[in-house]
Amino acid sequence: SIGFGGKWSAYGEYEDAGLTHLFKART
């Protein structure tokens, strides 16, 4: 499950939600 438009600072929330990858995440 690849998340688009995410932020690196929220990686923990994304992992908890079940996302496995990020694409072009923002800082």
PDB file of all heavy atoms in Angstrom:
ATOM      1  N   SER A   1       0.866  -1.180   0.000  1.00  0.00           N
ATOM      2  CA  SER A   1       0.000   0.000   0.000  1.00  0.00           C
ATOM      3  C   SER A   1       0.898   1.224   0.000  1.00  0.00           C
ATOM      4  O   SER A   1       1.620   1.474   0.966  1.00  0.00           O
ATOM      5  CB  SER A   1      -0.933  -0.001   1.211  1.00  0.00           C
ATOM      6  OG  SER A   1      -0.207  -0.195   2.407  1.00  0.00           O
ATOM      7  N   ILE A   2       0.866   1.974  -1.087  1.00  0.00           N
ATOM      8  CA  ILE A   2       1.792   3.082  -1.317  1.00  0.00           C
ATOM      9  C   ILE A   2       1.055   4.400  -1.136  1.00  0.00           C
ATOM     10  O   ILE A   2       0.093   4.691  -1.850  1.00  0.00           O
ATOM     11  CB  ILE A   2       2.399   2.992  -2.721  1.00  0.00           C
ATOM     12  CG1 ILE A   2       3.054   1.622  -2.911  1.00  0.00           C
ATOM     13  CG2 ILE A   2       3.408   4.106  -2.955  1.00  0.00           C
ATOM     14  CD1 ILE A   2       3.414   1.317  -4.335  1.00  0.00           C
ATOM     15  N   GLY A   3       1.494   5.194  -0.172  1.00  0.00           N
ATOM     16  CA  GLY A   3       0.857   6.465   0.122  1.00  0.00           C
ATOM     17  C   GLY A   3       1.422   7.610  -0.701  1.00  0.00           C
ATOM     18  O   GLY A   3       2.627   7.823  -0.733  1.00  0.00           O
ATOM     19  N   PHE A   4       0.546   8.349  -1.356  1.00  0.00           N
ATOM     20  CA  PHE A   4       0.925   9.528  -2.136  1.00  0.00           C
ATOM     21  C   PHE A   4       0.575  10.771  -1.325  1.00  0.00           C
ATOM     22  O   PHE A   4      -0.461  10.821  -0.658  1.00  0.00           O
ATOM     23  CB  PHE A   4       0.165   9.572  -3.464  1.00  0.00           C
ATOM     24  CG  PHE A   4       0.674   8.638  -4.528  1.00  0.00           C
ATOM     25  CD1 PHE A   4       0.812   7.280  -4.276  1.00  0.00           C
ATOM     26  CD2 PHE A   4       1.007   9.115  -5.785  1.00  0.00           C
ATOM     27  CE1 PHE A   4       1.262   6.418  -5.253  1.00  0.00           C
ATOM     28  CE2 PHE A   4       1.460   8.258  -6.778  1.00  0.00           C
ATOM     29  CZ  PHE A   4       1.596   6.906  -6.512  1.00  0.00           C
ATOM     30  N   GLY A   5       1.432  11.792  -1.406  1.00  0.00           N
ATOM     31  CA  GLY A   5       1.124  13.075  -0.780  1.00  0.00           C
ATOM     32  C   GLY A   5       1.359  13.127   0.711  1.00  0.00           C
ATOM     33  O   GLY A   5       0.859  14.031   1.381  1.00  0.00           O
ATOM     34  N   GLY A   6       2.094  12.173   1.254  1.00  0.00           N
ATOM     35  CA  GLY A   6       2.321  12.149   2.696  1.00  0.00           C
ATOM     36  C   GLY A   6       3.497  13.003   3.143  1.00  0.00           C
ATOM     37  O   GLY A   6       4.224  13.578   2.331  1.00  0.00           O
ATOM     38  N   LYS A   7       3.687  13.092   4.462  1.00  0.00           N
ATOM     39  CA  LYS A   7       4.809  13.816   5.058  1.00  0.00           C
ATOM     40  C   LYS A   7       5.678  12.830   5.833  1.00  0.00           C
ATOM     41  O   LYS A   7       5.173  11.940   6.521  1.00  0.00           O
ATOM     42  CB  LYS A   7       4.298  14.907   6.000  1.00  0.00           C
ATOM     43  CG  LYS A   7       3.466  15.990   5.332  1.00  0.00           C
ATOM     44  CD  LYS A   7       3.121  17.097   6.312  1.00  0.00           C
ATOM     45  CE  LYS A   7       2.237  16.575   7.433  1.00  0.00           C
ATOM     46  NZ  LYS A   7       1.825  17.669   8.356  1.00  0.00           N
ATOM     47  N   TRP A   8       6.986  13.018   5.759  1.00  0.00           N
ATOM     48  CA  TRP A   8       7.889  12.116   6.476  1.00  0.00           C
ATOM     49  C   TRP A   8       7.697  12.194   7.983  1.00  0.00           C
ATOM     50  O   TRP A   8       7.861  11.204   8.701  1.00  0.00           O
ATOM     51  CB  TRP A   8       9.337  12.434   6.120  1.00  0.00           C
ATOM     52  CG  TRP A   8       9.718  11.951   4.757  1.00  0.00           C
ATOM     53  CD1 TRP A   8      10.077  12.706   3.680  1.00  0.00           C
ATOM     54  CD2 TRP A   8       9.759  10.585   4.316  1.00  0.00           C
ATOM     55  NE1 TRP A   8      10.324  11.907   2.593  1.00  0.00           N
ATOM     56  CE2 TRP A   8      10.151  10.601   2.959  1.00  0.00           C
ATOM     57  CE3 TRP A   8       9.495   9.359   4.932  1.00  0.00           C
ATOM     58  CZ2 TRP A   8      10.289   9.429   2.211  1.00  0.00           C
ATOM     59  CZ3 TRP A   8       9.631   8.188   4.196  1.00  0.00           C
ATOM     60  CH2 TRP A   8      10.022   8.238   2.851  1.00  0.00           C
ATOM     61  N   SER A   9       7.299  13.355   8.478  1.00  0.00           N
ATOM     62  CA  SER A   9       7.134  13.505   9.923  1.00  0.00           C
ATOM     63  C   SER A   9       5.971  12.670  10.457  1.00  0.00           C
ATOM     64  O   SER A   9       5.881  12.409  11.653  1.00  0.00           O
ATOM     65  CB  SER A   9       6.905  14.980  10.270  1.00  0.00           C
ATOM     66  OG  SER A   9       5.746  15.471   9.625  1.00  0.00           O
ATOM     67  N   ALA A  10       5.083  12.233   9.564  1.00  0.00           N
ATOM     68  CA  ALA A  10       3.915  11.452   9.988  1.00  0.00           C
ATOM     69  C   ALA A  10       4.085   9.970   9.679  1.00  0.00           C
ATOM     70  O   ALA A  10       3.101   9.235   9.638  1.00  0.00           O
ATOM     71  CB  ALA A  10       2.662  11.992   9.312  1.00  0.00           C
ATOM     72  N   TYR A  11       5.344   9.528   9.481  1.00  0.00           N
ATOM     73  CA  TYR A  11       5.559   8.137   9.074  1.00  0.00           C
ATOM     74  C   TYR A  11       4.974   7.152  10.074  1.00  0.00           C
ATOM     75  O   TYR A  11       4.454   6.088   9.712  1.00  0.00           O
ATOM     76  CB  TYR A  11       7.061   7.869   8.879  1.00  0.00           C
ATOM     77  CG  TYR A  11       7.818   7.617  10.164  1.00  0.00           C
ATOM     78  CD1 TYR A  11       7.992   6.330  10.656  1.00  0.00           C
ATOM     79  CD2 TYR A  11       8.340   8.686  10.898  1.00  0.00           C
ATOM     80  CE1 TYR A  11       8.668   6.110  11.851  1.00  0.00           C
ATOM     81  CE2 TYR A  11       9.004   8.469  12.081  1.00  0.00           C
ATOM     82  CZ  TYR A  11       9.186   7.183  12.548  1.00  0.00           C
ATOM     83  OH  TYR A  11       9.838   6.970  13.727  1.00  0.00           O
ATOM     84  N   GLY A  12       5.037   7.484  11.387  1.00  0.00           N
ATOM     85  CA  GLY A  12       4.506   6.592  12.414  1.00  0.00           C
ATOM     86  C   GLY A  12       3.005   6.391  12.268  1.00  0.00           C
ATOM     87  O   GLY A  12       2.500   5.264  12.403  1.00  0.00           O
ATOM     88  N   GLU A  13       2.285   7.478  11.974  1.00  0.00           N
ATOM     89  CA  GLU A  13       0.840   7.388  11.781  1.00  0.00           C
ATOM     90  C   GLU A  13       0.520   6.531  10.566  1.00  0.00           C
ATOM     91  O   GLU A  13      -0.440   5.732  10.588  1.00  0.00           O
ATOM     92  CB  GLU A  13       0.250   8.790  11.593  1.00  0.00           C
ATOM     93  CG  GLU A  13       0.431   9.707  12.797  1.00  0.00           C
ATOM     94  CD  GLU A  13      -0.039  11.118  12.491  1.00  0.00           C
ATOM     95  OE1 GLU A  13      -0.864  11.282  11.559  1.00  0.00           O
ATOM     96  OE2 GLU A  13       0.417  12.054  13.169  1.00  0.00           O
ATOM     97  N   TYR A  14       1.317   6.693   9.501  1.00  0.00           N
ATOM     98  CA  TYR A  14       1.071   5.911   8.288  1.00  0.00           C
ATOM     99  C   TYR A  14       1.305   4.422   8.540  1.00  0.00           C
ATOM    100  O   TYR A  14       0.534   3.576   8.083  1.00  0.00           O
ATOM    101  CB  TYR A  14       1.978   6.394   7.158  1.00  0.00           C
ATOM    102  CG  TYR A  14       1.768   7.829   6.765  1.00  0.00           C
ATOM    103  CD1 TYR A  14       2.841   8.632   6.378  1.00  0.00           C
ATOM    104  CD2 TYR A  14       0.496   8.401   6.768  1.00  0.00           C
ATOM    105  CE1 TYR A  14       2.656   9.959   6.023  1.00  0.00           C
ATOM    106  CE2 TYR A  14       0.299   9.721   6.415  1.00  0.00           C
ATOM    107  CZ  TYR A  14       1.382  10.503   6.036  1.00  0.00           C
ATOM    108  OH  TYR A  14       1.193  11.807   5.677  1.00  0.00           O
ATOM    109  N   GLU A  15       2.369   4.100   9.258  1.00  0.00           N
ATOM    110  CA  GLU A  15       2.644   2.696   9.574  1.00  0.00           C
ATOM    111  C   GLU A  15       1.523   2.110  10.421  1.00  0.00           C
ATOM    112  O   GLU A  15       1.082   0.968  10.197  1.00  0.00           O
ATOM    113  CB  GLU A  15       3.978   2.570  10.315  1.00  0.00           C
ATOM    114  CG  GLU A  15       5.191   2.598   9.413  1.00  0.00           C
ATOM    115  CD  GLU A  15       6.467   2.216  10.150  1.00  0.00           C
ATOM    116  OE1 GLU A  15       6.731   2.834  11.204  1.00  0.00           O
ATOM    117  OE2 GLU A  15       7.179   1.319   9.673  1.00  0.00           O
ATOM    118  N   ASP A  16       1.062   2.874  11.406  1.00  0.00           N
ATOM    119  CA  ASP A  16      -0.028   2.402  12.259  1.00  0.00           C
ATOM    120  C   ASP A  16      -1.306   2.184  11.443  1.00  0.00           C
ATOM    121  O   ASP A  16      -2.115   1.304  11.763  1.00  0.00           O
ATOM    122  CB  ASP A  16      -0.307   3.403  13.380  1.00  0.00           C
ATOM    123  CG  ASP A  16       0.832   3.474  14.393  1.00  0.00           C
ATOM    124  OD1 ASP A  16       1.656   2.541  14.425  1.00  0.00           O
ATOM    125  OD2 ASP A  16       0.901   4.482  15.132  1.00  0.00           O
ATOM    126  N   ALA A  17      -1.483   2.995  10.401  1.00  0.00           N
ATOM    127  CA  ALA A  17      -2.674   2.869   9.557  1.00  0.00           C
ATOM    128  C   ALA A  17      -2.572   1.700   8.585  1.00  0.00           C
ATOM    129  O   ALA A  17      -3.575   1.321   7.963  1.00  0.00           O
ATOM    130  CB  ALA A  17      -2.908   4.160   8.780  1.00  0.00           C
ATOM    131  N   GLY A  18      -1.351   1.145   8.430  1.00  0.00           N
ATOM    132  CA  GLY A  18      -1.177   0.001   7.551  1.00  0.00           C
ATOM    133  C   GLY A  18      -0.438   0.267   6.263  1.00  0.00           C
ATOM    134  O   GLY A  18      -0.193  -0.653   5.475  1.00  0.00           O
ATOM    135  N   LEU A  19      -0.070   1.542   5.996  1.00  0.00           N
ATOM    136  CA  LEU A  19       0.705   1.832   4.792  1.00  0.00           C
ATOM    137  C   LEU A  19       2.073   1.179   4.888  1.00  0.00           C
ATOM    138  O   LEU A  19       2.679   1.113   5.957  1.00  0.00           O
ATOM    139  CB  LEU A  19       0.887   3.340   4.605  1.00  0.00           C
ATOM    140  CG  LEU A  19      -0.311   4.141   4.108  1.00  0.00           C
ATOM    141  CD1 LEU A  19       0.078   5.603   3.942  1.00  0.00           C
ATOM    142  CD2 LEU A  19      -0.840   3.592   2.790  1.00  0.00           C
ATOM    143  N   THR A  20       2.566   0.702   3.748  1.00  0.00           N
ATOM    144  CA  THR A  20       3.885   0.065   3.734  1.00  0.00           C
ATOM    145  C   THR A  20       4.939   0.925   3.054  1.00  0.00           C
ATOM    146  O   THR A  20       6.131   0.766   3.329  1.00  0.00           O
ATOM    147  CB  THR A  20       3.818  -1.290   3.012  1.00  0.00           C
ATOM    148  OG1 THR A  20       3.338  -1.093   1.661  1.00  0.00           O
ATOM    149  CG2 THR A  20       2.874  -2.243   3.737  1.00  0.00           C
ATOM    150  N   HIS A  21       4.513   1.862   2.179  1.00  0.00           N
ATOM    151  CA  HIS A  21       5.469   2.671   1.417  1.00  0.00           C
ATOM    152  C   HIS A  21       4.939   4.091   1.240  1.00  0.00           C
ATOM    153  O   HIS A  21       3.735   4.337   1.365  1.00  0.00           O
ATOM    154  CB  HIS A  21       5.712   2.073   0.024  1.00  0.00           C
ATOM    155  CG  HIS A  21       6.297   0.698   0.038  1.00  0.00           C
ATOM    156  ND1 HIS A  21       5.551  -0.421   0.311  1.00  0.00           N
ATOM    157  CD2 HIS A  21       7.569   0.271  -0.198  1.00  0.00           C
ATOM    158  CE1 HIS A  21       6.322  -1.494   0.243  1.00  0.00           C
ATOM    159  NE2 HIS A  21       7.546  -1.103  -0.056  1.00  0.00           N
ATOM    160  N   LEU A  22       5.840   5.021   0.935  1.00  0.00           N
ATOM    161  CA  LEU A  22       5.494   6.385   0.594  1.00  0.00           C
ATOM    162  C   LEU A  22       6.126   6.753  -0.752  1.00  0.00           C
ATOM    163  O   LEU A  22       7.233   6.304  -1.058  1.00  0.00           O
ATOM    164  CB  LEU A  22       5.947   7.377   1.652  1.00  0.00           C
ATOM    165  CG  LEU A  22       5.216   7.384   2.991  1.00  0.00           C
ATOM    166  CD1 LEU A  22       5.835   8.426   3.921  1.00  0.00           C
ATOM    167  CD2 LEU A  22       3.731   7.655   2.823  1.00  0.00           C
ATOM    168  N   PHE A  23       5.417   7.592  -1.508  1.00  0.00           N
ATOM    169  CA  PHE A  23       5.913   8.051  -2.803  1.00  0.00           C
ATOM    170  C   PHE A  23       5.993   9.565  -2.806  1.00  0.00           C
ATOM    171  O   PHE A  23       4.999  10.257  -2.547  1.00  0.00           O
ATOM    172  CB  PHE A  23       4.999   7.566  -3.917  1.00  0.00           C
ATOM    173  CG  PHE A  23       5.409   8.011  -5.295  1.00  0.00           C
ATOM    174  CD1 PHE A  23       6.596   7.552  -5.855  1.00  0.00           C
ATOM    175  CD2 PHE A  23       4.617   8.865  -6.031  1.00  0.00           C
ATOM    176  CE1 PHE A  23       6.969   7.954  -7.128  1.00  0.00           C
ATOM    177  CE2 PHE A  23       4.980   9.272  -7.306  1.00  0.00           C
ATOM    178  CZ  PHE A  23       6.169   8.809  -7.861  1.00  0.00           C
ATOM    179  N   LYS A  24       7.193  10.093  -3.052  1.00  0.00           N
ATOM    180  CA  LYS A  24       7.424  11.540  -3.100  1.00  0.00           C
ATOM    181  C   LYS A  24       6.897  12.239  -1.843  1.00  0.00           C
ATOM    182  O   LYS A  24       6.191  13.248  -1.914  1.00  0.00           O
ATOM    183  CB  LYS A  24       6.756  12.155  -4.347  1.00  0.00           C
ATOM    184  CG  LYS A  24       7.406  11.788  -5.664  1.00  0.00           C
ATOM    185  CD  LYS A  24       6.786  12.540  -6.814  1.00  0.00           C
ATOM    186  CE  LYS A  24       7.474  12.240  -8.122  1.00  0.00           C
ATOM    187  NZ  LYS A  24       6.852  12.956  -9.276  1.00  0.00           N
ATOM    188  N   ALA A  25       7.222  11.682  -0.710  1.00  0.00           N
ATOM    189  CA  ALA A  25       6.773  12.285   0.555  1.00  0.00           C
ATOM    190  C   ALA A  25       7.417  13.648   0.771  1.00  0.00           C
ATOM    191  O   ALA A  25       8.550  13.890   0.342  1.00  0.00           O
ATOM    192  CB  ALA A  25       7.089  11.362   1.718  1.00  0.00           C
ATOM    193  N   ARG A  26       6.707  14.540   1.462  1.00  0.00           N
ATOM    194  CA  ARG A  26       7.187  15.892   1.705  1.00  0.00           C
ATOM    195  C   ARG A  26       7.887  15.974   3.056  1.00  0.00           C
ATOM    196  O   ARG A  26       7.581  15.225   3.991  1.00  0.00           O
ATOM    197  CB  ARG A  26       6.020  16.886   1.686  1.00  0.00           C
ATOM    198  CG  ARG A  26       5.137  16.811   0.467  1.00  0.00           C
ATOM    199  CD  ARG A  26       4.100  17.928   0.486  1.00  0.00           C
ATOM    200  NE  ARG A  26       3.372  18.004   1.726  1.00  0.00           N
ATOM    201  CZ  ARG A  26       2.283  17.288   2.006  1.00  0.00           C
ATOM    202  NH1 ARG A  26       1.822  16.424   1.117  1.00  0.00           N
ATOM    203  NH2 ARG A  26       1.653  17.427   3.161  1.00  0.00           N
ATOM    204  N   THR A  27       8.825  16.905   3.142  1.00  0.00           N
ATOM    205  CA  THR A  27       9.450  17.221   4.426  1.00  0.00           C
ATOM    206  C   THR A  27       8.774  18.482   4.982  1.00  0.00           C
ATOM    207  O   THR A  27       8.321  19.344   4.224  1.00  0.00           O
ATOM    208  CB  THR A  27      10.956  17.476   4.271  1.00  0.00           C
ATOM    209  OG1 THR A  27      11.157  18.520   3.285  1.00  0.00           O
ATOM    210  CG2 THR A  27      11.654  16.217   3.818  1.00  0.00           C
TER     211      THR A  27
END
